[in-house]
Amino acid sequence: MNRKQINSIGLNGAELPVAANAGDATGGQEFHVTFYNSDHGRVSTEIFDDAASAERFANRMICDEDDWAIVDAVPLQQNRIAA
């Protein structure tokens, strides 16, 4: 994997058209960035409201050839109201 490669993969495994939505808050989606930091040796996840912020964060997390980051678009679910 290229040092600066970011994978944008949807829930069904297809690549997302992230650049088309970049910068706008897509109603009904949030963006999860899962990344591996080789300095700390652990995988972490951060959540963002828009694709552009998620991509920028993912790019910043790749500092070493062993680091990686994946941006996933996740549909929002409505909260249940307790009766």
PDB file of N, CA and C in Angstrom:
ATOM      1  N   MET A   1       0.841  -1.174   0.000  1.00  0.00           N
ATOM      2  CA  MET A   1       0.000   0.000   0.000  1.00  0.00           C
ATOM      3  C   MET A   1       0.887   1.238   0.000  1.00  0.00           C
ATOM      4  N   ASN A   2       0.523   2.168  -0.831  1.00  0.00           N
ATOM      5  CA  ASN A   2       1.235   3.434  -0.906  1.00  0.00           C
ATOM      6  C   ASN A   2       1.159   4.149   0.440  1.00  0.00           C
ATOM      7  N   ARG A   3       2.196   4.874   0.788  1.00  0.00           N
ATOM      8  CA  ARG A   3       2.270   5.544   2.088  1.00  0.00           C
ATOM      9  C   ARG A   3       1.104   6.492   2.324  1.00  0.00           C
ATOM     10  N   LYS A   4       0.626   7.154   1.297  1.00  0.00           N
ATOM     11  CA  LYS A   4      -0.453   8.116   1.440  1.00  0.00           C
ATOM     12  C   LYS A   4      -1.782   7.601   0.891  1.00  0.00           C
ATOM     13  N   GLN A   5      -1.909   6.314   0.675  1.00  0.00           N
ATOM     14  CA  GLN A   5      -3.130   5.762   0.109  1.00  0.00           C
ATOM     15  C   GLN A   5      -4.232   5.706   1.159  1.00  0.00           C
ATOM     16  N   ILE A   6      -5.395   6.165   0.792  1.00  0.00           N
ATOM     17  CA  ILE A   6      -6.576   6.118   1.650  1.00  0.00           C
ATOM     18  C   ILE A   6      -7.622   5.297   0.909  1.00  0.00           C
ATOM     19  N   ASN A   7      -8.234   4.364   1.594  1.00  0.00           N
ATOM     20  CA  ASN A   7      -9.297   3.567   0.990  1.00  0.00           C
ATOM     21  C   ASN A   7     -10.633   4.094   1.462  1.00  0.00           C
ATOM     22  N   SER A   8     -11.520   4.405   0.521  1.00  0.00           N
ATOM     23  CA  SER A   8     -12.874   4.824   0.849  1.00  0.00           C
ATOM     24  C   SER A   8     -13.808   3.726   0.383  1.00  0.00           C
ATOM     25  N   ILE A   9     -14.334   2.977   1.338  1.00  0.00           N
ATOM     26  CA  ILE A   9     -15.115   1.800   1.012  1.00  0.00           C
ATOM     27  C   ILE A   9     -16.446   1.875   1.738  1.00  0.00           C
ATOM     28  N   GLY A  10     -17.523   1.640   1.004  1.00  0.00           N
ATOM     29  CA  GLY A  10     -18.853   1.653   1.593  1.00  0.00           C
ATOM     30  C   GLY A  10     -19.161   0.351   2.310  1.00  0.00           C
ATOM     31  N   LEU A  11     -20.353   0.266   2.861  1.00  0.00           N
ATOM     32  CA  LEU A  11     -20.746  -0.918   3.615  1.00  0.00           C
ATOM     33  C   LEU A  11     -20.839  -2.157   2.744  1.00  0.00           C
ATOM     34  N   ASN A  12     -21.137  -1.980   1.447  1.00  0.00           N
ATOM     35  CA  ASN A  12     -21.253  -3.129   0.559  1.00  0.00           C
ATOM     36  C   ASN A  12     -19.934  -3.453  -0.141  1.00  0.00           C
ATOM     37  N   GLY A  13     -18.862  -2.781   0.217  1.00  0.00           N
ATOM     38  CA  GLY A  13     -17.554  -3.055  -0.365  1.00  0.00           C
ATOM     39  C   GLY A  13     -17.223  -2.224  -1.583  1.00  0.00           C
ATOM     40  N   ALA A  14     -18.189  -1.442  -2.095  1.00  0.00           N
ATOM     41  CA  ALA A  14     -17.942  -0.609  -3.271  1.00  0.00           C
ATOM     42  C   ALA A  14     -17.261   0.683  -2.853  1.00  0.00           C
ATOM     43  N   GLU A  15     -16.441   1.227  -3.749  1.00  0.00           N
ATOM     44  CA  GLU A  15     -15.792   2.498  -3.434  1.00  0.00           C
ATOM     45  C   GLU A  15     -16.813   3.613  -3.449  1.00  0.00           C
ATOM     46  N   LEU A  16     -16.634   4.576  -2.557  1.00  0.00           N
ATOM     47  CA  LEU A  16     -17.553   5.701  -2.427  1.00  0.00           C
ATOM     48  C   LEU A  16     -17.126   6.871  -3.285  1.00  0.00           C
ATOM     49  N   PRO A  17     -18.078   7.613  -3.822  1.00  0.00           N
ATOM     50  CA  PRO A  17     -17.737   8.851  -4.541  1.00  0.00           C
ATOM     51  C   PRO A  17     -17.541   9.984  -3.548  1.00  0.00           C
ATOM     52  N   VAL A  18     -16.492   9.898  -2.742  1.00  0.00           N
ATOM     53  CA  VAL A  18     -16.271  10.849  -1.652  1.00  0.00           C
ATOM     54  C   VAL A  18     -16.045  12.248  -2.180  1.00  0.00           C
ATOM     55  N   ALA A  19     -15.293  12.403  -3.243  1.00  0.00           N
ATOM     56  CA  ALA A  19     -14.969  13.732  -3.748  1.00  0.00           C
ATOM     57  C   ALA A  19     -16.228  14.490  -4.183  1.00  0.00           C
ATOM     58  N   ALA A  20     -17.247  13.801  -4.660  1.00  0.00           N
ATOM     59  CA  ALA A  20     -18.466  14.454  -5.102  1.00  0.00           C
ATOM     60  C   ALA A  20     -19.201  15.104  -3.939  1.00  0.00           C
ATOM     61  N   ASN A  21     -19.094  14.539  -2.743  1.00  0.00           N
ATOM     62  CA  ASN A  21     -19.798  15.063  -1.582  1.00  0.00           C
ATOM     63  C   ASN A  21     -18.894  15.890  -0.692  1.00  0.00           C
ATOM     64  N   ALA A  22     -17.637  16.025  -1.031  1.00  0.00           N
ATOM     65  CA  ALA A  22     -16.676  16.653  -0.128  1.00  0.00           C
ATOM     66  C   ALA A  22     -17.141  18.037   0.270  1.00  0.00           C
ATOM     67  N   GLY A  23     -17.123  18.275   1.586  1.00  0.00           N
ATOM     68  CA  GLY A  23     -17.439  19.588   2.100  1.00  0.00           C
ATOM     69  C   GLY A  23     -18.865  19.782   2.534  1.00  0.00           C
ATOM     70  N   ASP A  24     -19.809  18.946   2.073  1.00  0.00           N
ATOM     71  CA  ASP A  24     -21.173  19.150   2.542  1.00  0.00           C
ATOM     72  C   ASP A  24     -21.545  18.070   3.543  1.00  0.00           C
ATOM     73  N   ALA A  25     -22.370  18.428   4.476  1.00  0.00           N
ATOM     74  CA  ALA A  25     -22.817  17.462   5.472  1.00  0.00           C
ATOM     75  C   ALA A  25     -23.930  16.643   4.834  1.00  0.00           C
ATOM     76  N   THR A  26     -23.621  15.407   4.476  1.00  0.00           N
ATOM     77  CA  THR A  26     -24.592  14.558   3.822  1.00  0.00           C
ATOM     78  C   THR A  26     -25.596  14.086   4.851  1.00  0.00           C
ATOM     79  N   GLY A  27     -26.851  14.433   4.652  1.00  0.00           N
ATOM     80  CA  GLY A  27     -27.887  14.012   5.575  1.00  0.00           C
ATOM     81  C   GLY A  27     -27.973  12.505   5.595  1.00  0.00           C
ATOM     82  N   GLY A  28     -27.925  11.935   6.776  1.00  0.00           N
ATOM     83  CA  GLY A  28     -28.083  10.502   6.882  1.00  0.00           C
ATOM     84  C   GLY A  28     -26.802   9.711   6.873  1.00  0.00           C
ATOM     85  N   GLN A  29     -25.642  10.354   6.851  1.00  0.00           N
ATOM     86  CA  GLN A  29     -24.366   9.633   6.870  1.00  0.00           C
ATOM     87  C   GLN A  29     -23.388  10.298   7.818  1.00  0.00           C
ATOM     88  N   GLU A  30     -22.557   9.468   8.412  1.00  0.00           N
ATOM     89  CA  GLU A  30     -21.378   9.968   9.113  1.00  0.00           C
ATOM     90  C   GLU A  30     -20.200   9.174   8.580  1.00  0.00           C
ATOM     91  N   PHE A  31     -19.007   9.663   8.825  1.00  0.00           N
ATOM     92  CA  PHE A  31     -17.816   9.058   8.241  1.00  0.00           C
ATOM     93  C   PHE A  31     -16.883   8.585   9.343  1.00  0.00           C
ATOM     94  N   HIS A  32     -16.600   7.289   9.357  1.00  0.00           N
ATOM     95  CA  HIS A  32     -15.725   6.685  10.351  1.00  0.00           C
ATOM     96  C   HIS A  32     -14.349   6.503   9.742  1.00  0.00           C
ATOM     97  N   VAL A  33     -13.329   7.019  10.409  1.00  0.00           N
ATOM     98  CA  VAL A  33     -11.948   6.826   9.977  1.00  0.00           C
ATOM     99  C   VAL A  33     -11.318   5.828  10.943  1.00  0.00           C
ATOM    100  N   THR A  34     -10.998   4.655  10.434  1.00  0.00           N
ATOM    101  CA  THR A  34     -10.305   3.642  11.211  1.00  0.00           C
ATOM    102  C   THR A  34      -8.857   3.667  10.752  1.00  0.00           C
ATOM    103  N   PHE A  35      -7.927   3.774  11.692  1.00  0.00           N
ATOM    104  CA  PHE A  35      -6.531   3.928  11.314  1.00  0.00           C
ATOM    105  C   PHE A  35      -5.624   3.138  12.252  1.00  0.00           C
ATOM    106  N   TYR A  36      -4.457   2.779  11.719  1.00  0.00           N
ATOM    107  CA  TYR A  36      -3.435   2.083  12.500  1.00  0.00           C
ATOM    108  C   TYR A  36      -2.234   2.995  12.642  1.00  0.00           C
ATOM    109  N   ASN A  37      -1.787   3.209  13.868  1.00  0.00           N
ATOM    110  CA  ASN A  37      -0.609   4.016  14.152  1.00  0.00           C
ATOM    111  C   ASN A  37       0.490   3.059  14.594  1.00  0.00           C
ATOM    112  N   SER A  38       1.519   2.899  13.771  1.00  0.00           N
ATOM    113  CA  SER A  38       2.588   1.947  14.073  1.00  0.00           C
ATOM    114  C   SER A  38       3.432   2.381  15.272  1.00  0.00           C
ATOM    115  N   ASP A  39       3.460   3.686  15.584  1.00  0.00           N
ATOM    116  CA  ASP A  39       4.202   4.153  16.757  1.00  0.00           C
ATOM    117  C   ASP A  39       3.570   3.627  18.045  1.00  0.00           C
ATOM    118  N   HIS A  40       2.227   3.623  18.086  1.00  0.00           N
ATOM    119  CA  HIS A  40       1.513   3.175  19.282  1.00  0.00           C
ATOM    120  C   HIS A  40       1.106   1.709  19.196  1.00  0.00           C
ATOM    121  N   GLY A  41       1.104   1.155  17.987  1.00  0.00           N
ATOM    122  CA  GLY A  41       0.768  -0.249  17.800  1.00  0.00           C
ATOM    123  C   GLY A  41      -0.694  -0.584  18.035  1.00  0.00           C
ATOM    124  N   ARG A  42      -1.595   0.358  17.731  1.00  0.00           N
ATOM    125  CA  ARG A  42      -3.009   0.061  17.935  1.00  0.00           C
ATOM    126  C   ARG A  42      -3.872   0.668  16.831  1.00  0.00           C
ATOM    127  N   VAL A  43      -5.070   0.103  16.684  1.00  0.00           N
ATOM    128  CA  VAL A  43      -6.055   0.576  15.721  1.00  0.00           C
ATOM    129  C   VAL A  43      -7.068   1.425  16.478  1.00  0.00           C
ATOM    130  N   SER A  44      -7.425   2.577  15.916  1.00  0.00           N
ATOM    131  CA  SER A  44      -8.387   3.481  16.534  1.00  0.00           C
ATOM    132  C   SER A  44      -9.398   3.942  15.495  1.00  0.00           C
ATOM    133  N   THR A  45     -10.509   4.501  15.957  1.00  0.00           N
ATOM    134  CA  THR A  45     -11.552   5.020  15.067  1.00  0.00           C
ATOM    135  C   THR A  45     -11.991   6.391  15.536  1.00  0.00           C
ATOM    136  N   GLU A  46     -12.156   7.305  14.589  1.00  0.00           N
ATOM    137  CA  GLU A  46     -12.704   8.637  14.842  1.00  0.00           C
ATOM    138  C   GLU A  46     -13.914   8.816  13.934  1.00  0.00           C
ATOM    139  N   ILE A  47     -14.887   9.611  14.368  1.00  0.00           N
ATOM    140  CA  ILE A  47     -16.119   9.821  13.610  1.00  0.00           C
ATOM    141  C   ILE A  47     -16.224  11.283  13.198  1.00  0.00           C
ATOM    142  N   PHE A  48     -16.615  11.506  11.923  1.00  0.00           N
ATOM    143  CA  PHE A  48     -16.736  12.852  11.360  1.00  0.00           C
ATOM    144  C   PHE A  48     -18.081  13.021  10.688  1.00  0.00           C
ATOM    145  N   ASP A  49     -18.532  14.281  10.603  1.00  0.00           N
ATOM    146  CA  ASP A  49     -19.815  14.598   9.981  1.00  0.00           C
ATOM    147  C   ASP A  49     -19.734  14.707   8.463  1.00  0.00           C
ATOM    148  N   ASP A  50     -18.550  15.022   7.924  1.00  0.00           N
ATOM    149  CA  ASP A  50     -18.441  15.181   6.471  1.00  0.00           C
ATOM    150  C   ASP A  50     -17.209  14.456   5.933  1.00  0.00           C
ATOM    151  N   ALA A  51     -17.294  14.106   4.666  1.00  0.00           N
ATOM    152  CA  ALA A  51     -16.248  13.321   4.012  1.00  0.00           C
ATOM    153  C   ALA A  51     -14.922  14.072   3.933  1.00  0.00           C
ATOM    154  N   ALA A  52     -14.970  15.374   3.687  1.00  0.00           N
ATOM    155  CA  ALA A  52     -13.737  16.148   3.541  1.00  0.00           C
ATOM    156  C   ALA A  52     -12.924  16.136   4.835  1.00  0.00           C
ATOM    157  N   SER A  53     -13.589  16.320   5.957  1.00  0.00           N
ATOM    158  CA  SER A  53     -12.887  16.289   7.252  1.00  0.00           C
ATOM    159  C   SER A  53     -12.310  14.910   7.532  1.00  0.00           C
ATOM    160  N   ALA A  54     -13.072  13.882   7.196  1.00  0.00           N
ATOM    161  CA  ALA A  54     -12.603  12.511   7.409  1.00  0.00           C
ATOM    162  C   ALA A  54     -11.367  12.221   6.564  1.00  0.00           C
ATOM    163  N   GLU A  55     -11.375  12.646   5.311  1.00  0.00           N
ATOM    164  CA  GLU A  55     -10.229  12.417   4.420  1.00  0.00           C
ATOM    165  C   GLU A  55      -8.992  13.177   4.905  1.00  0.00           C
ATOM    166  N   ARG A  56      -9.182  14.434   5.343  1.00  0.00           N
ATOM    167  CA  ARG A  56      -8.045  15.210   5.857  1.00  0.00           C
ATOM    168  C   ARG A  56      -7.436  14.541   7.089  1.00  0.00           C
ATOM    169  N   PHE A  57      -8.290  14.073   8.008  1.00  0.00           N
ATOM    170  CA  PHE A  57      -7.804  13.403   9.205  1.00  0.00           C
ATOM    171  C   PHE A  57      -7.063  12.116   8.839  1.00  0.00           C
ATOM    172  N   ALA A  58      -7.628  11.341   7.918  1.00  0.00           N
ATOM    173  CA  ALA A  58      -7.001  10.085   7.491  1.00  0.00           C
ATOM    174  C   ALA A  58      -5.621  10.355   6.897  1.00  0.00           C
ATOM    175  N   ASN A  59      -5.497  11.399   6.091  1.00  0.00           N
ATOM    176  CA  ASN A  59      -4.198  11.754   5.517  1.00  0.00           C
ATOM    177  C   ASN A  59      -3.174  12.104   6.589  1.00  0.00           C
ATOM    178  N   ARG A  60      -3.619  12.809   7.637  1.00  0.00           N
ATOM    179  CA  ARG A  60      -2.701  13.180   8.721  1.00  0.00           C
ATOM    180  C   ARG A  60      -2.253  11.982   9.538  1.00  0.00           C
ATOM    181  N   MET A  61      -3.045  10.932   9.588  1.00  0.00           N
ATOM    182  CA  MET A  61      -2.717   9.773  10.410  1.00  0.00           C
ATOM    183  C   MET A  61      -1.691   8.848   9.753  1.00  0.00           C
ATOM    184  N   ILE A  62      -1.447   9.017   8.467  1.00  0.00           N
ATOM    185  CA  ILE A  62      -0.481   8.170   7.755  1.00  0.00           C
ATOM    186  C   ILE A  62       0.864   8.878   7.743  1.00  0.00           C
ATOM    187  N   CYS A  63       1.724   8.472   8.683  1.00  0.00           N
ATOM    188  CA  CYS A  63       3.028   9.114   8.836  1.00  0.00           C
ATOM    189  C   CYS A  63       4.184   8.166   8.524  1.00  0.00           C
ATOM    190  N   ASP A  64       3.922   6.880   8.501  1.00  0.00           N
ATOM    191  CA  ASP A  64       4.960   5.872   8.326  1.00  0.00           C
ATOM    192  C   ASP A  64       4.484   4.865   7.282  1.00  0.00           C
ATOM    193  N   GLU A  65       5.395   4.128   6.695  1.00  0.00           N
ATOM    194  CA  GLU A  65       4.999   3.171   5.655  1.00  0.00           C
ATOM    195  C   GLU A  65       4.124   2.039   6.193  1.00  0.00           C
ATOM    196  N   ASP A  66       4.122   1.796   7.494  1.00  0.00           N
ATOM    197  CA  ASP A  66       3.291   0.753   8.080  1.00  0.00           C
ATOM    198  C   ASP A  66       1.922   1.269   8.530  1.00  0.00           C
ATOM    199  N   ASP A  67       1.697   2.579   8.509  1.00  0.00           N
ATOM    200  CA  ASP A  67       0.420   3.158   8.916  1.00  0.00           C
ATOM    201  C   ASP A  67      -0.606   2.998   7.803  1.00  0.00           C
ATOM    202  N   TRP A  68      -1.879   2.936   8.170  1.00  0.00           N
ATOM    203  CA  TRP A  68      -2.963   2.904   7.186  1.00  0.00           C
ATOM    204  C   TRP A  68      -4.198   3.565   7.773  1.00  0.00           C
ATOM    205  N   ALA A  69      -5.109   3.962   6.874  1.00  0.00           N
ATOM    206  CA  ALA A  69      -6.370   4.578   7.284  1.00  0.00           C
ATOM    207  C   ALA A  69      -7.442   4.233   6.269  1.00  0.00           C
ATOM    208  N   ILE A  70      -8.653   3.978   6.770  1.00  0.00           N
ATOM    209  CA  ILE A  70      -9.800   3.655   5.927  1.00  0.00           C
ATOM    210  C   ILE A  70     -10.940   4.577   6.310  1.00  0.00           C
ATOM    211  N   VAL A  71     -11.589   5.173   5.307  1.00  0.00           N
ATOM    212  CA  VAL A  71     -12.749   6.028   5.539  1.00  0.00           C
ATOM    213  C   VAL A  71     -13.992   5.253   5.113  1.00  0.00           C
ATOM    214  N   ASP A  72     -14.935   5.064   6.045  1.00  0.00           N
ATOM    215  CA  ASP A  72     -16.191   4.373   5.764  1.00  0.00           C
ATOM    216  C   ASP A  72     -17.356   5.330   5.936  1.00  0.00           C
ATOM    217  N   ALA A  73     -18.263   5.364   4.955  1.00  0.00           N
ATOM    218  CA  ALA A  73     -19.508   6.120   5.092  1.00  0.00           C
ATOM    219  C   ALA A  73     -20.511   5.202   5.778  1.00  0.00           C
ATOM    220  N   VAL A  74     -21.050   5.655   6.901  1.00  0.00           N
ATOM    221  CA  VAL A  74     -21.962   4.836   7.697  1.00  0.00           C
ATOM    222  C   VAL A  74     -23.306   5.548   7.782  1.00  0.00           C
ATOM    223  N   PRO A  75     -24.402   4.869   7.405  1.00  0.00           N
ATOM    224  CA  PRO A  75     -25.713   5.508   7.502  1.00  0.00           C
ATOM    225  C   PRO A  75     -26.085   5.763   8.957  1.00  0.00           C
ATOM    226  N   LEU A  76     -26.675   6.929   9.204  1.00  0.00           N
ATOM    227  CA  LEU A  76     -27.144   7.247  10.548  1.00  0.00           C
ATOM    228  C   LEU A  76     -28.453   6.518  10.806  1.00  0.00           C
ATOM    229  N   GLN A  77     -28.639   6.090  12.034  1.00  0.00           N
ATOM    230  CA  GLN A  77     -29.897   5.458  12.422  1.00  0.00           C
ATOM    231  C   GLN A  77     -30.618   6.374  13.387  1.00  0.00           C
ATOM    232  N   GLN A  78     -31.931   6.460  13.226  1.00  0.00           N
ATOM    233  CA  GLN A  78     -32.699   7.309  14.119  1.00  0.00           C
ATOM    234  C   GLN A  78     -32.739   6.671  15.501  1.00  0.00           C
ATOM    235  N   ASN A  79     -32.661   7.519  16.520  1.00  0.00           N
ATOM    236  CA  ASN A  79     -32.742   7.036  17.891  1.00  0.00           C
ATOM    237  C   ASN A  79     -34.158   6.601  18.207  1.00  0.00           C
ATOM    238  N   ARG A  80     -34.277   5.563  18.982  1.00  0.00           N
ATOM    239  CA  ARG A  80     -35.595   5.109  19.422  1.00  0.00           C
ATOM    240  C   ARG A  80     -36.061   5.965  20.592  1.00  0.00           C
ATOM    241  N   ILE A  81     -37.330   6.261  20.595  1.00  0.00           N
ATOM    242  CA  ILE A  81     -37.903   7.014  21.705  1.00  0.00           C
ATOM    243  C   ILE A  81     -38.528   6.011  22.668  1.00  0.00           C
ATOM    244  N   ALA A  82     -38.097   6.088  23.924  1.00  0.00           N
ATOM    245  CA  ALA A  82     -38.617   5.159  24.934  1.00  0.00           C
ATOM    246  C   ALA A  82     -40.073   5.505  25.247  1.00  0.00           C
ATOM    247  N   ALA A  83     -40.862   4.482  25.423  1.00  0.00           N
ATOM    248  CA  ALA A  83     -42.288   4.698  25.723  1.00  0.00           C
ATOM    249  C   ALA A  83     -42.509   4.985  27.186  1.00  0.00           C
TER     250      ALA A  83
END
